[in-house]
N, C-alpha and C. Protein backbone atom coordinates (compact mmCIF):
# COMPACT_ATOMS: atom_id res chain seq x y z
N MET A 1 -8.75 -0.33 19.50
CA MET A 1 -7.34 -0.22 19.88
C MET A 1 -6.45 -0.94 18.88
N LYS A 2 -6.89 -2.14 18.48
CA LYS A 2 -6.10 -2.92 17.53
C LYS A 2 -6.02 -2.22 16.17
N LEU A 3 -7.09 -1.52 15.80
CA LEU A 3 -7.11 -0.79 14.53
C LEU A 3 -6.08 0.34 14.54
N LEU A 4 -5.99 1.06 15.65
CA LEU A 4 -5.00 2.13 15.76
C LEU A 4 -3.58 1.59 15.73
N LEU A 5 -3.36 0.45 16.38
CA LEU A 5 -2.05 -0.18 16.37
C LEU A 5 -1.68 -0.62 14.95
N ARG A 6 -2.63 -1.19 14.24
CA ARG A 6 -2.40 -1.63 12.86
C ARG A 6 -2.07 -0.43 11.98
N TRP A 7 -2.81 0.66 12.17
CA TRP A 7 -2.58 1.88 11.40
C TRP A 7 -1.17 2.42 11.66
N ALA A 8 -0.77 2.47 12.92
CA ALA A 8 0.56 2.97 13.28
C ALA A 8 1.66 2.07 12.72
N LEU A 9 1.46 0.76 12.80
CA LEU A 9 2.47 -0.16 12.28
C LEU A 9 2.53 -0.12 10.75
N ASN A 10 1.40 0.10 10.10
CA ASN A 10 1.42 0.26 8.65
C ASN A 10 2.15 1.54 8.26
N ALA A 11 2.02 2.59 9.08
CA ALA A 11 2.77 3.82 8.83
C ALA A 11 4.27 3.58 9.00
N VAL A 12 4.64 2.81 10.00
CA VAL A 12 6.05 2.46 10.20
C VAL A 12 6.55 1.64 9.00
N ALA A 13 5.73 0.72 8.52
CA ALA A 13 6.10 -0.06 7.34
C ALA A 13 6.32 0.85 6.15
N LEU A 14 5.48 1.85 6.02
CA LEU A 14 5.62 2.81 4.92
C LEU A 14 6.91 3.60 5.05
N MET A 15 7.32 3.90 6.28
CA MET A 15 8.56 4.64 6.49
C MET A 15 9.80 3.77 6.24
N LEU A 16 9.64 2.45 6.24
CA LEU A 16 10.76 1.57 5.96
C LEU A 16 11.05 1.43 4.46
N ILE A 17 10.07 1.69 3.64
CA ILE A 17 10.22 1.50 2.20
C ILE A 17 11.35 2.35 1.60
N PRO A 18 11.51 3.63 1.98
CA PRO A 18 12.63 4.40 1.42
C PRO A 18 14.01 3.83 1.74
N GLU A 19 14.08 3.00 2.79
CA GLU A 19 15.35 2.34 3.10
C GLU A 19 15.70 1.29 2.04
N LEU A 20 14.68 0.75 1.39
CA LEU A 20 14.88 -0.28 0.37
C LEU A 20 14.82 0.29 -1.05
N LEU A 21 13.98 1.27 -1.25
CA LEU A 21 13.84 1.94 -2.55
C LEU A 21 14.11 3.42 -2.35
N THR A 22 15.30 3.86 -2.73
CA THR A 22 15.71 5.24 -2.44
C THR A 22 14.92 6.26 -3.25
N GLU A 23 14.22 5.84 -4.30
CA GLU A 23 13.44 6.78 -5.10
C GLU A 23 12.19 7.25 -4.36
N ILE A 24 11.70 6.44 -3.44
CA ILE A 24 10.50 6.79 -2.67
C ILE A 24 10.93 7.64 -1.48
N ARG A 25 10.12 8.66 -1.20
CA ARG A 25 10.43 9.56 -0.09
C ARG A 25 9.21 9.70 0.81
N VAL A 26 9.42 9.55 2.11
CA VAL A 26 8.38 9.78 3.11
C VAL A 26 8.95 10.80 4.10
N ASP A 27 8.37 11.99 4.09
CA ASP A 27 8.89 13.10 4.90
C ASP A 27 8.21 13.16 6.26
N GLY A 28 8.56 12.26 7.14
CA GLY A 28 8.08 12.34 8.51
C GLY A 28 6.90 11.45 8.84
N TYR A 29 6.59 11.44 10.13
CA TYR A 29 5.54 10.58 10.66
C TYR A 29 4.15 10.99 10.18
N THR A 30 3.93 12.29 10.08
CA THR A 30 2.61 12.76 9.66
C THR A 30 2.29 12.29 8.25
N ALA A 31 3.25 12.44 7.35
CA ALA A 31 3.03 11.99 5.97
C ALA A 31 2.82 10.48 5.93
N ALA A 32 3.54 9.74 6.77
CA ALA A 32 3.38 8.29 6.80
C ALA A 32 2.01 7.90 7.35
N LEU A 33 1.57 8.56 8.40
CA LEU A 33 0.25 8.25 8.99
C LEU A 33 -0.88 8.58 8.03
N VAL A 34 -0.80 9.74 7.40
CA VAL A 34 -1.85 10.13 6.44
C VAL A 34 -1.84 9.18 5.24
N SER A 35 -0.65 8.85 4.75
CA SER A 35 -0.54 7.94 3.61
C SER A 35 -1.06 6.55 3.95
N ALA A 36 -0.73 6.05 5.14
CA ALA A 36 -1.21 4.73 5.55
C ALA A 36 -2.73 4.73 5.67
N LEU A 37 -3.29 5.81 6.22
CA LEU A 37 -4.74 5.91 6.34
C LEU A 37 -5.40 5.96 4.96
N LEU A 38 -4.84 6.75 4.06
CA LEU A 38 -5.40 6.87 2.72
C LEU A 38 -5.22 5.58 1.92
N LEU A 39 -4.09 4.91 2.09
CA LEU A 39 -3.90 3.61 1.43
C LEU A 39 -4.92 2.59 1.90
N GLY A 40 -5.20 2.60 3.18
CA GLY A 40 -6.23 1.70 3.71
C GLY A 40 -7.59 2.00 3.13
N PHE A 41 -7.92 3.27 3.05
CA PHE A 41 -9.20 3.69 2.48
C PHE A 41 -9.29 3.30 1.00
N VAL A 42 -8.26 3.61 0.25
CA VAL A 42 -8.24 3.31 -1.18
C VAL A 42 -8.32 1.80 -1.41
N ASN A 43 -7.60 1.03 -0.61
CA ASN A 43 -7.63 -0.43 -0.78
C ASN A 43 -8.96 -1.03 -0.37
N ALA A 44 -9.67 -0.37 0.52
CA ALA A 44 -10.97 -0.88 0.97
C ALA A 44 -12.11 -0.47 0.05
N ILE A 45 -12.03 0.71 -0.55
CA ILE A 45 -13.14 1.25 -1.33
C ILE A 45 -12.90 1.21 -2.84
N ILE A 46 -11.81 1.78 -3.29
CA ILE A 46 -11.57 1.94 -4.73
C ILE A 46 -11.01 0.68 -5.38
N ARG A 47 -10.08 0.01 -4.71
CA ARG A 47 -9.43 -1.16 -5.29
C ARG A 47 -10.42 -2.26 -5.68
N PRO A 48 -11.40 -2.62 -4.82
CA PRO A 48 -12.35 -3.66 -5.23
C PRO A 48 -13.14 -3.29 -6.49
N LEU A 49 -13.47 -2.02 -6.63
CA LEU A 49 -14.17 -1.58 -7.85
C LEU A 49 -13.28 -1.73 -9.08
N LEU A 50 -12.01 -1.36 -8.94
CA LEU A 50 -11.09 -1.53 -10.07
C LEU A 50 -10.87 -2.99 -10.41
N VAL A 51 -10.78 -3.83 -9.40
CA VAL A 51 -10.61 -5.27 -9.64
C VAL A 51 -11.82 -5.81 -10.39
N LEU A 52 -13.00 -5.37 -10.01
CA LEU A 52 -14.22 -5.82 -10.68
C LEU A 52 -14.27 -5.35 -12.14
N VAL A 53 -13.93 -4.08 -12.37
CA VAL A 53 -13.95 -3.53 -13.73
C VAL A 53 -12.90 -4.22 -14.61
N THR A 54 -11.76 -4.54 -14.05
CA THR A 54 -10.68 -5.15 -14.84
C THR A 54 -10.65 -6.67 -14.71
N LEU A 55 -11.74 -7.26 -14.29
CA LEU A 55 -11.79 -8.71 -14.09
C LEU A 55 -11.37 -9.52 -15.33
N PRO A 56 -11.81 -9.16 -16.54
CA PRO A 56 -11.38 -9.96 -17.70
C PRO A 56 -9.86 -9.98 -17.88
N ILE A 57 -9.21 -8.83 -17.77
CA ILE A 57 -7.74 -8.81 -17.94
C ILE A 57 -7.05 -9.49 -16.76
N THR A 58 -7.66 -9.39 -15.57
CA THR A 58 -7.09 -10.07 -14.41
C THR A 58 -7.15 -11.58 -14.59
N ILE A 59 -8.24 -12.08 -15.14
CA ILE A 59 -8.36 -13.51 -15.41
C ILE A 59 -7.37 -13.94 -16.48
N LEU A 60 -7.24 -13.14 -17.55
CA LEU A 60 -6.29 -13.47 -18.63
C LEU A 60 -4.85 -13.51 -18.15
N THR A 61 -4.52 -12.67 -17.18
CA THR A 61 -3.15 -12.63 -16.68
C THR A 61 -2.97 -13.49 -15.42
N LEU A 62 -3.97 -14.31 -15.15
CA LEU A 62 -3.94 -15.22 -14.00
C LEU A 62 -3.74 -14.47 -12.68
N GLY A 63 -4.34 -13.30 -12.59
CA GLY A 63 -4.31 -12.52 -11.37
C GLY A 63 -3.16 -11.55 -11.24
N LEU A 64 -2.21 -11.60 -12.15
CA LEU A 64 -1.04 -10.73 -12.04
C LEU A 64 -1.38 -9.25 -12.25
N PHE A 65 -2.50 -8.98 -12.93
CA PHE A 65 -2.88 -7.58 -13.15
C PHE A 65 -3.22 -6.88 -11.84
N THR A 66 -3.54 -7.64 -10.80
CA THR A 66 -3.81 -7.01 -9.51
C THR A 66 -2.56 -6.31 -8.96
N LEU A 67 -1.38 -6.79 -9.36
CA LEU A 67 -0.14 -6.10 -8.97
C LEU A 67 -0.08 -4.71 -9.60
N VAL A 68 -0.56 -4.60 -10.83
CA VAL A 68 -0.62 -3.31 -11.51
C VAL A 68 -1.61 -2.39 -10.80
N ILE A 69 -2.75 -2.94 -10.42
CA ILE A 69 -3.75 -2.15 -9.70
C ILE A 69 -3.18 -1.66 -8.37
N ASN A 70 -2.48 -2.52 -7.65
CA ASN A 70 -1.85 -2.12 -6.39
C ASN A 70 -0.86 -0.99 -6.61
N ALA A 71 -0.05 -1.10 -7.66
CA ALA A 71 0.93 -0.06 -7.97
C ALA A 71 0.24 1.26 -8.28
N LEU A 72 -0.84 1.20 -9.05
CA LEU A 72 -1.57 2.42 -9.39
C LEU A 72 -2.19 3.07 -8.15
N MET A 73 -2.70 2.28 -7.24
CA MET A 73 -3.27 2.81 -6.01
C MET A 73 -2.17 3.47 -5.15
N PHE A 74 -1.03 2.82 -5.06
CA PHE A 74 0.11 3.33 -4.30
C PHE A 74 0.58 4.65 -4.89
N TRP A 75 0.68 4.70 -6.21
CA TRP A 75 1.13 5.89 -6.92
C TRP A 75 0.10 7.02 -6.77
N MET A 76 -1.18 6.67 -6.82
CA MET A 76 -2.24 7.66 -6.68
C MET A 76 -2.18 8.32 -5.30
N VAL A 77 -1.99 7.53 -4.26
CA VAL A 77 -1.93 8.08 -2.92
C VAL A 77 -0.73 9.02 -2.79
N SER A 78 0.37 8.70 -3.45
CA SER A 78 1.54 9.59 -3.38
C SER A 78 1.24 10.93 -4.03
N GLY A 79 0.35 10.94 -4.99
CA GLY A 79 -0.05 12.20 -5.61
C GLY A 79 -0.98 13.02 -4.74
N LEU A 80 -1.63 12.38 -3.78
CA LEU A 80 -2.59 13.07 -2.91
C LEU A 80 -2.00 13.56 -1.60
N VAL A 81 -0.89 12.96 -1.18
CA VAL A 81 -0.32 13.27 0.13
C VAL A 81 1.01 14.00 -0.05
N GLU A 82 1.06 15.20 0.49
CA GLU A 82 2.32 15.95 0.44
C GLU A 82 3.30 15.32 1.43
N GLY A 83 4.50 15.08 0.98
CA GLY A 83 5.51 14.46 1.82
C GLY A 83 5.66 12.97 1.56
N PHE A 84 4.85 12.43 0.68
CA PHE A 84 4.97 11.03 0.25
C PHE A 84 5.16 11.06 -1.26
N VAL A 85 6.37 10.76 -1.70
CA VAL A 85 6.73 10.93 -3.11
C VAL A 85 7.11 9.59 -3.73
N VAL A 86 6.39 9.25 -4.79
CA VAL A 86 6.70 8.08 -5.62
C VAL A 86 6.79 8.60 -7.05
N PRO A 87 7.98 8.63 -7.63
CA PRO A 87 8.17 9.35 -8.89
C PRO A 87 7.57 8.72 -10.14
N ASP A 88 7.52 7.39 -10.21
CA ASP A 88 7.04 6.78 -11.46
C ASP A 88 6.34 5.45 -11.17
N PHE A 89 5.81 4.85 -12.25
CA PHE A 89 5.02 3.63 -12.10
C PHE A 89 5.85 2.47 -11.55
N TRP A 90 7.05 2.27 -12.11
CA TRP A 90 7.83 1.09 -11.69
C TRP A 90 8.30 1.20 -10.24
N THR A 91 8.59 2.39 -9.81
CA THR A 91 8.91 2.59 -8.40
C THR A 91 7.68 2.29 -7.55
N ALA A 92 6.51 2.74 -8.03
CA ALA A 92 5.25 2.44 -7.33
C ALA A 92 4.99 0.94 -7.31
N PHE A 93 5.30 0.25 -8.40
CA PHE A 93 5.10 -1.20 -8.47
C PHE A 93 5.90 -1.90 -7.38
N TRP A 94 7.20 -1.61 -7.31
CA TRP A 94 8.05 -2.27 -6.31
C TRP A 94 7.72 -1.79 -4.90
N GLY A 95 7.39 -0.51 -4.75
CA GLY A 95 7.01 0.01 -3.45
C GLY A 95 5.73 -0.64 -2.93
N ALA A 96 4.74 -0.79 -3.82
CA ALA A 96 3.48 -1.43 -3.42
C ALA A 96 3.70 -2.89 -3.06
N LEU A 97 4.59 -3.56 -3.78
CA LEU A 97 4.89 -4.96 -3.48
C LEU A 97 5.54 -5.09 -2.11
N ILE A 98 6.50 -4.24 -1.83
CA ILE A 98 7.18 -4.27 -0.53
C ILE A 98 6.20 -3.89 0.58
N TYR A 99 5.38 -2.85 0.34
CA TYR A 99 4.40 -2.43 1.34
C TYR A 99 3.39 -3.55 1.63
N SER A 100 2.98 -4.26 0.59
CA SER A 100 2.05 -5.37 0.78
C SER A 100 2.68 -6.46 1.65
N LEU A 101 3.94 -6.76 1.40
CA LEU A 101 4.62 -7.77 2.21
C LEU A 101 4.77 -7.33 3.67
N LEU A 102 5.12 -6.07 3.86
CA LEU A 102 5.29 -5.56 5.23
C LEU A 102 3.96 -5.52 5.98
N THR A 103 2.89 -5.08 5.31
CA THR A 103 1.60 -5.03 5.98
C THR A 103 1.03 -6.43 6.21
N TRP A 104 1.40 -7.37 5.36
CA TRP A 104 1.01 -8.77 5.58
C TRP A 104 1.66 -9.28 6.87
N MET A 105 2.94 -8.91 7.06
CA MET A 105 3.63 -9.33 8.28
C MET A 105 3.00 -8.67 9.52
N VAL A 106 2.58 -7.41 9.38
CA VAL A 106 1.88 -6.73 10.48
C VAL A 106 0.59 -7.47 10.80
N SER A 107 -0.16 -7.85 9.76
CA SER A 107 -1.41 -8.57 9.98
C SER A 107 -1.17 -9.92 10.66
N LEU A 108 -0.11 -10.60 10.25
CA LEU A 108 0.22 -11.88 10.90
C LEU A 108 0.56 -11.67 12.38
N ALA A 109 1.31 -10.63 12.66
CA ALA A 109 1.73 -10.37 14.04
C ALA A 109 0.54 -10.00 14.92
N LEU A 110 -0.47 -9.33 14.34
CA LEU A 110 -1.62 -8.88 15.13
C LEU A 110 -2.81 -9.83 15.08
N SER A 111 -2.67 -10.91 14.32
CA SER A 111 -3.81 -11.83 14.20
C SER A 111 -4.03 -12.59 15.50
N ASP A 112 -5.27 -12.97 15.71
CA ASP A 112 -5.60 -13.77 16.89
C ASP A 112 -5.07 -15.18 16.71
N LYS A 113 -4.39 -15.66 17.70
CA LYS A 113 -3.82 -17.01 17.61
C LYS A 113 -4.89 -18.09 17.76
N ASP A 114 -6.08 -17.72 18.29
CA ASP A 114 -7.14 -18.69 18.52
C ASP A 114 -7.82 -19.13 17.24
N ASN A 115 -7.83 -18.27 16.22
CA ASN A 115 -8.56 -18.58 14.96
C ASN A 115 -7.74 -19.40 14.02
């Protein structure tokens, strides 16, 4: 149940991004839900592999290269989902940063207070 709630709230977070970055477009709830699901999958499966492969440059940049990886993952998902449009890398960079902050807040809100 908590997983479905997190997924729905991440989709809502994705729908808030065009309010802050007008270049990004999310055409409806379906596109947001599919994009949020795919972003979760990409961040769980593909991102760790990319972080491992780019570890030397990540170390040289003191971890800042992970922001580039996040932007590339965000941009990639926009290319896979119809109705989720991110036109260029820099828009993806800022969109991924905002999405990360919003999903972090979702995680804080849904975290167990006992731990």
